[in-house]
């Protein structure tokens, strides 16, 4: 493990996790599935290698939010914790706001802005992509 681990958990404390290694793909996602699953205007994420992520307390519930991906959340309080593509299980996306120190990872851009709620006005100067980053579009 290089550096301090990233730790976090849910609102009620039933679920805790630890992510080691270097995060990547830190982003703000505006897609409809992220918005609906969180009840927020957008969700901020960072990606970790699955081999360097573990739940350290409790067991999350799982919901297949689409044909291509699933989300994990606390079955007690509902806090959304992770997102994974069925075909890309070597990585896991973790919600930044569920981290103990969410300020330790700074998102680098906004994705799925074509789904952004019109009353959200952001002036952070970060790159914005209508869908995914160009390197991620398939």
C-alpha atoms as a PDB file:
ATOM      1  CA  UNK A   1       0.000   0.000   0.000  1.00  0.00           C
ATOM      2  CA  UNK A   2       1.345   3.393  -0.915  1.00  0.00           C
ATOM      3  CA  UNK A   3       0.151   6.313   1.196  1.00  0.00           C
ATOM      4  CA  UNK A   4      -2.744   6.717   3.559  1.00  0.00           C
ATOM      5  CA  UNK A   5      -5.815   4.565   2.878  1.00  0.00           C
ATOM      6  CA  UNK A   6      -9.136   6.132   1.967  1.00  0.00           C
ATOM      7  CA  UNK A   7     -11.832   5.140   4.460  1.00  0.00           C
ATOM      8  CA  UNK A   8     -15.522   5.798   4.631  1.00  0.00           C
ATOM      9  CA  UNK A   9     -18.952   4.431   5.264  1.00  0.00           C
ATOM     10  CA  UNK A  10     -22.634   5.062   5.470  1.00  0.00           C
ATOM     11  CA  UNK A  11     -24.670   7.561   7.464  1.00  0.00           C
ATOM     12  CA  UNK A  12     -25.735   5.120  10.194  1.00  0.00           C
ATOM     13  CA  UNK A  13     -22.297   3.507  10.603  1.00  0.00           C
ATOM     14  CA  UNK A  14     -23.399  -0.034   9.766  1.00  0.00           C
ATOM     15  CA  UNK A  15     -21.164  -0.207   6.663  1.00  0.00           C
ATOM     16  CA  UNK A  16     -17.484   0.786   6.555  1.00  0.00           C
ATOM     17  CA  UNK A  17     -14.919   0.435   3.771  1.00  0.00           C
ATOM     18  CA  UNK A  18     -11.269   0.962   2.991  1.00  0.00           C
ATOM     19  CA  UNK A  19      -9.664   1.777  -0.367  1.00  0.00           C
ATOM     20  CA  UNK A  20      -5.912   1.593  -0.820  1.00  0.00           C
ATOM     21  CA  UNK A  21      -3.845   2.729  -3.758  1.00  0.00           C
ATOM     22  CA  UNK A  22      -4.203   5.707  -6.004  1.00  0.00           C
ATOM     23  CA  UNK A  23      -7.688   6.827  -7.057  1.00  0.00           C
ATOM     24  CA  UNK A  24      -8.397   7.622 -10.703  1.00  0.00           C
ATOM     25  CA  UNK A  25     -11.226   9.036 -12.810  1.00  0.00           C
ATOM     26  CA  UNK A  26     -12.467  11.394 -10.097  1.00  0.00           C
ATOM     27  CA  UNK A  27     -15.560  12.990 -11.596  1.00  0.00           C
ATOM     28  CA  UNK A  28     -18.967  14.545 -11.013  1.00  0.00           C
ATOM     29  CA  UNK A  29     -21.614  12.437 -12.794  1.00  0.00           C
ATOM     30  CA  UNK A  30     -24.896  14.022 -13.871  1.00  0.00           C
ATOM     31  CA  UNK A  31     -26.547  10.920 -15.400  1.00  0.00           C
ATOM     32  CA  UNK A  32     -30.138  10.159 -14.518  1.00  0.00           C
ATOM     33  CA  UNK A  33     -29.265   6.867 -12.795  1.00  0.00           C
ATOM     34  CA  UNK A  34     -26.780   8.554 -10.443  1.00  0.00           C
ATOM     35  CA  UNK A  35     -29.252  11.324  -9.696  1.00  0.00           C
ATOM     36  CA  UNK A  36     -32.143   8.971  -8.987  1.00  0.00           C
ATOM     37  CA  UNK A  37     -30.105   6.491  -6.948  1.00  0.00           C
ATOM     38  CA  UNK A  38     -28.735   9.239  -4.710  1.00  0.00           C
ATOM     39  CA  UNK A  39     -31.574  11.737  -4.640  1.00  0.00           C
ATOM     40  CA  UNK A  40     -28.979  14.414  -5.429  1.00  0.00           C
ATOM     41  CA  UNK A  41     -28.392  16.681  -8.412  1.00  0.00           C
ATOM     42  CA  UNK A  42     -25.163  14.786  -9.255  1.00  0.00           C
ATOM     43  CA  UNK A  43     -22.785  12.285  -7.649  1.00  0.00           C
ATOM     44  CA  UNK A  44     -19.020  12.593  -7.269  1.00  0.00           C
ATOM     45  CA  UNK A  45     -16.969   9.407  -7.707  1.00  0.00           C
ATOM     46  CA  UNK A  46     -13.416   8.077  -7.765  1.00  0.00           C
ATOM     47  CA  UNK A  47     -12.282   4.748  -9.203  1.00  0.00           C
ATOM     48  CA  UNK A  48     -10.079   2.246  -7.371  1.00  0.00           C
ATOM     49  CA  UNK A  49      -8.782  -1.196  -8.313  1.00  0.00           C
ATOM     50  CA  UNK A  50     -11.250  -3.719  -6.851  1.00  0.00           C
ATOM     51  CA  UNK A  51      -8.343  -5.682  -5.372  1.00  0.00           C
ATOM     52  CA  UNK A  52      -7.509  -2.610  -3.262  1.00  0.00           C
ATOM     53  CA  UNK A  53     -11.061  -2.025  -1.968  1.00  0.00           C
ATOM     54  CA  UNK A  54     -12.824  -3.872   0.856  1.00  0.00           C
ATOM     55  CA  UNK A  55     -15.827  -3.509   3.090  1.00  0.00           C
ATOM     56  CA  UNK A  56     -14.425  -3.647   6.616  1.00  0.00           C
ATOM     57  CA  UNK A  57     -17.687  -3.602   8.551  1.00  0.00           C
ATOM     58  CA  UNK A  58     -21.124  -4.843   7.557  1.00  0.00           C
ATOM     59  CA  UNK A  59     -22.428  -6.078   4.240  1.00  0.00           C
ATOM     60  CA  UNK A  60     -23.947  -3.729   1.690  1.00  0.00           C
ATOM     61  CA  UNK A  61     -27.059  -4.449  -0.323  1.00  0.00           C
ATOM     62  CA  UNK A  62     -26.746  -4.620  -4.107  1.00  0.00           C
ATOM     63  CA  UNK A  63     -29.008  -3.211  -6.782  1.00  0.00           C
ATOM     64  CA  UNK A  64     -28.587  -3.836 -10.515  1.00  0.00           C
ATOM     65  CA  UNK A  65     -29.372  -0.292 -11.627  1.00  0.00           C
ATOM     66  CA  UNK A  66     -29.080  -1.144 -15.319  1.00  0.00           C
ATOM     67  CA  UNK A  67     -28.219  -4.038 -17.609  1.00  0.00           C
ATOM     68  CA  UNK A  68     -24.555  -3.034 -17.493  1.00  0.00           C
ATOM     69  CA  UNK A  69     -23.912  -2.047 -13.872  1.00  0.00           C
ATOM     70  CA  UNK A  70     -24.794  -2.414 -10.206  1.00  0.00           C
ATOM     71  CA  UNK A  71     -24.632  -0.248  -7.112  1.00  0.00           C
ATOM     72  CA  UNK A  72     -24.026  -1.098  -3.472  1.00  0.00           C
ATOM     73  CA  UNK A  73     -25.594   0.769  -0.584  1.00  0.00           C
ATOM     74  CA  UNK A  74     -26.378   0.456   3.106  1.00  0.00           C
ATOM     75  CA  UNK A  75     -29.523  -1.654   3.590  1.00  0.00           C
ATOM     76  CA  UNK A  76     -30.297   0.276   6.786  1.00  0.00           C
ATOM     77  CA  UNK A  77     -29.865   3.994   5.957  1.00  0.00           C
ATOM     78  CA  UNK A  78     -29.644   3.817   2.149  1.00  0.00           C
ATOM     79  CA  UNK A  79     -26.306   5.590   1.670  1.00  0.00           C
ATOM     80  CA  UNK A  80     -25.007   4.854  -1.847  1.00  0.00           C
ATOM     81  CA  UNK A  81     -21.422   3.608  -1.601  1.00  0.00           C
ATOM     82  CA  UNK A  82     -20.189   2.015  -4.842  1.00  0.00           C
ATOM     83  CA  UNK A  83     -20.831   1.477  -8.547  1.00  0.00           C
ATOM     84  CA  UNK A  84     -19.420  -1.289 -10.757  1.00  0.00           C
ATOM     85  CA  UNK A  85     -19.854  -2.335 -14.365  1.00  0.00           C
ATOM     86  CA  UNK A  86     -20.725  -6.043 -14.717  1.00  0.00           C
ATOM     87  CA  UNK A  87     -18.060  -6.390 -17.410  1.00  0.00           C
ATOM     88  CA  UNK A  88     -15.389  -4.390 -15.580  1.00  0.00           C
ATOM     89  CA  UNK A  89     -15.173  -5.931 -12.114  1.00  0.00           C
ATOM     90  CA  UNK A  90     -11.459  -5.118 -11.808  1.00  0.00           C
ATOM     91  CA  UNK A  91     -12.404  -1.561 -10.819  1.00  0.00           C
ATOM     92  CA  UNK A  92     -14.915  -0.061  -8.417  1.00  0.00           C
ATOM     93  CA  UNK A  93     -16.231   3.493  -8.221  1.00  0.00           C
ATOM     94  CA  UNK A  94     -16.668   4.892  -4.706  1.00  0.00           C
ATOM     95  CA  UNK A  95     -18.856   7.861  -3.772  1.00  0.00           C
ATOM     96  CA  UNK A  96     -16.627  10.682  -2.596  1.00  0.00           C
ATOM     97  CA  UNK A  97     -19.240  12.065  -0.193  1.00  0.00           C
ATOM     98  CA  UNK A  98     -19.274   8.752   1.741  1.00  0.00           C
ATOM     99  CA  UNK A  99     -15.548   9.084   2.496  1.00  0.00           C
ATOM    100  CA  UNK A 100     -14.298  10.206   5.898  1.00  0.00           C
ATOM    101  CA  UNK A 101     -12.189  12.854   4.144  1.00  0.00           C
ATOM    102  CA  UNK A 102     -14.001  13.624   0.871  1.00  0.00           C
ATOM    103  CA  UNK A 103     -11.793  16.669   0.370  1.00  0.00           C
ATOM    104  CA  UNK A 104      -8.789  14.368  -0.124  1.00  0.00           C
ATOM    105  CA  UNK A 105      -9.859  13.625  -3.728  1.00  0.00           C
ATOM    106  CA  UNK A 106     -10.735  16.448  -6.102  1.00  0.00           C
ATOM    107  CA  UNK A 107     -12.937  15.663  -9.120  1.00  0.00           C
ATOM    108  CA  UNK A 108     -11.352  16.629 -12.435  1.00  0.00           C
ATOM    109  CA  UNK A 109     -14.418  17.026 -14.637  1.00  0.00           C
ATOM    110  CA  UNK A 110     -18.161  16.580 -15.153  1.00  0.00           C
ATOM    111  CA  UNK A 111     -19.647  13.712 -17.167  1.00  0.00           C
ATOM    112  CA  UNK A 112     -23.134  13.125 -18.582  1.00  0.00           C
ATOM    113  CA  UNK A 113     -23.797  16.858 -18.610  1.00  0.00           C
ATOM    114  CA  UNK A 114     -26.435  16.395 -21.307  1.00  0.00           C
ATOM    115  CA  UNK A 115     -28.535  15.036 -18.405  1.00  0.00           C
ATOM    116  CA  UNK A 116     -27.610  17.842 -16.005  1.00  0.00           C
ATOM    117  CA  UNK A 117     -30.580  19.457 -14.285  1.00  0.00           C
ATOM    118  CA  UNK A 118     -30.980  22.923 -15.848  1.00  0.00           C
ATOM    119  CA  UNK A 119     -31.144  24.787 -12.538  1.00  0.00           C
ATOM    120  CA  UNK A 120     -27.645  23.581 -11.604  1.00  0.00           C
ATOM    121  CA  UNK A 121     -25.245  26.427 -12.415  1.00  0.00           C
ATOM    122  CA  UNK A 122     -21.602  25.463 -11.927  1.00  0.00           C
ATOM    123  CA  UNK A 123     -18.686  27.819 -12.324  1.00  0.00           C
ATOM    124  CA  UNK A 124     -15.839  25.532 -11.281  1.00  0.00           C
ATOM    125  CA  UNK A 125     -14.130  25.735 -14.676  1.00  0.00           C
ATOM    126  CA  UNK A 126     -13.752  21.957 -14.937  1.00  0.00           C
ATOM    127  CA  UNK A 127     -14.022  20.189 -18.307  1.00  0.00           C
ATOM    128  CA  UNK A 128     -17.539  19.068 -19.176  1.00  0.00           C
ATOM    129  CA  UNK A 129     -18.499  16.074 -21.304  1.00  0.00           C
ATOM    130  CA  UNK A 130     -21.974  15.466 -22.730  1.00  0.00           C
ATOM    131  CA  UNK A 131     -21.610  11.735 -22.042  1.00  0.00           C
ATOM    132  CA  UNK A 132     -18.303  10.163 -20.967  1.00  0.00           C
ATOM    133  CA  UNK A 133     -14.767  11.389 -21.312  1.00  0.00           C
ATOM    134  CA  UNK A 134     -13.592  10.878 -24.916  1.00  0.00           C
ATOM    135  CA  UNK A 135     -11.206   8.091 -23.834  1.00  0.00           C
ATOM    136  CA  UNK A 136     -14.082   6.160 -22.228  1.00  0.00           C
ATOM    137  CA  UNK A 137     -16.628   6.271 -25.047  1.00  0.00           C
ATOM    138  CA  UNK A 138     -17.128   2.905 -26.645  1.00  0.00           C
END
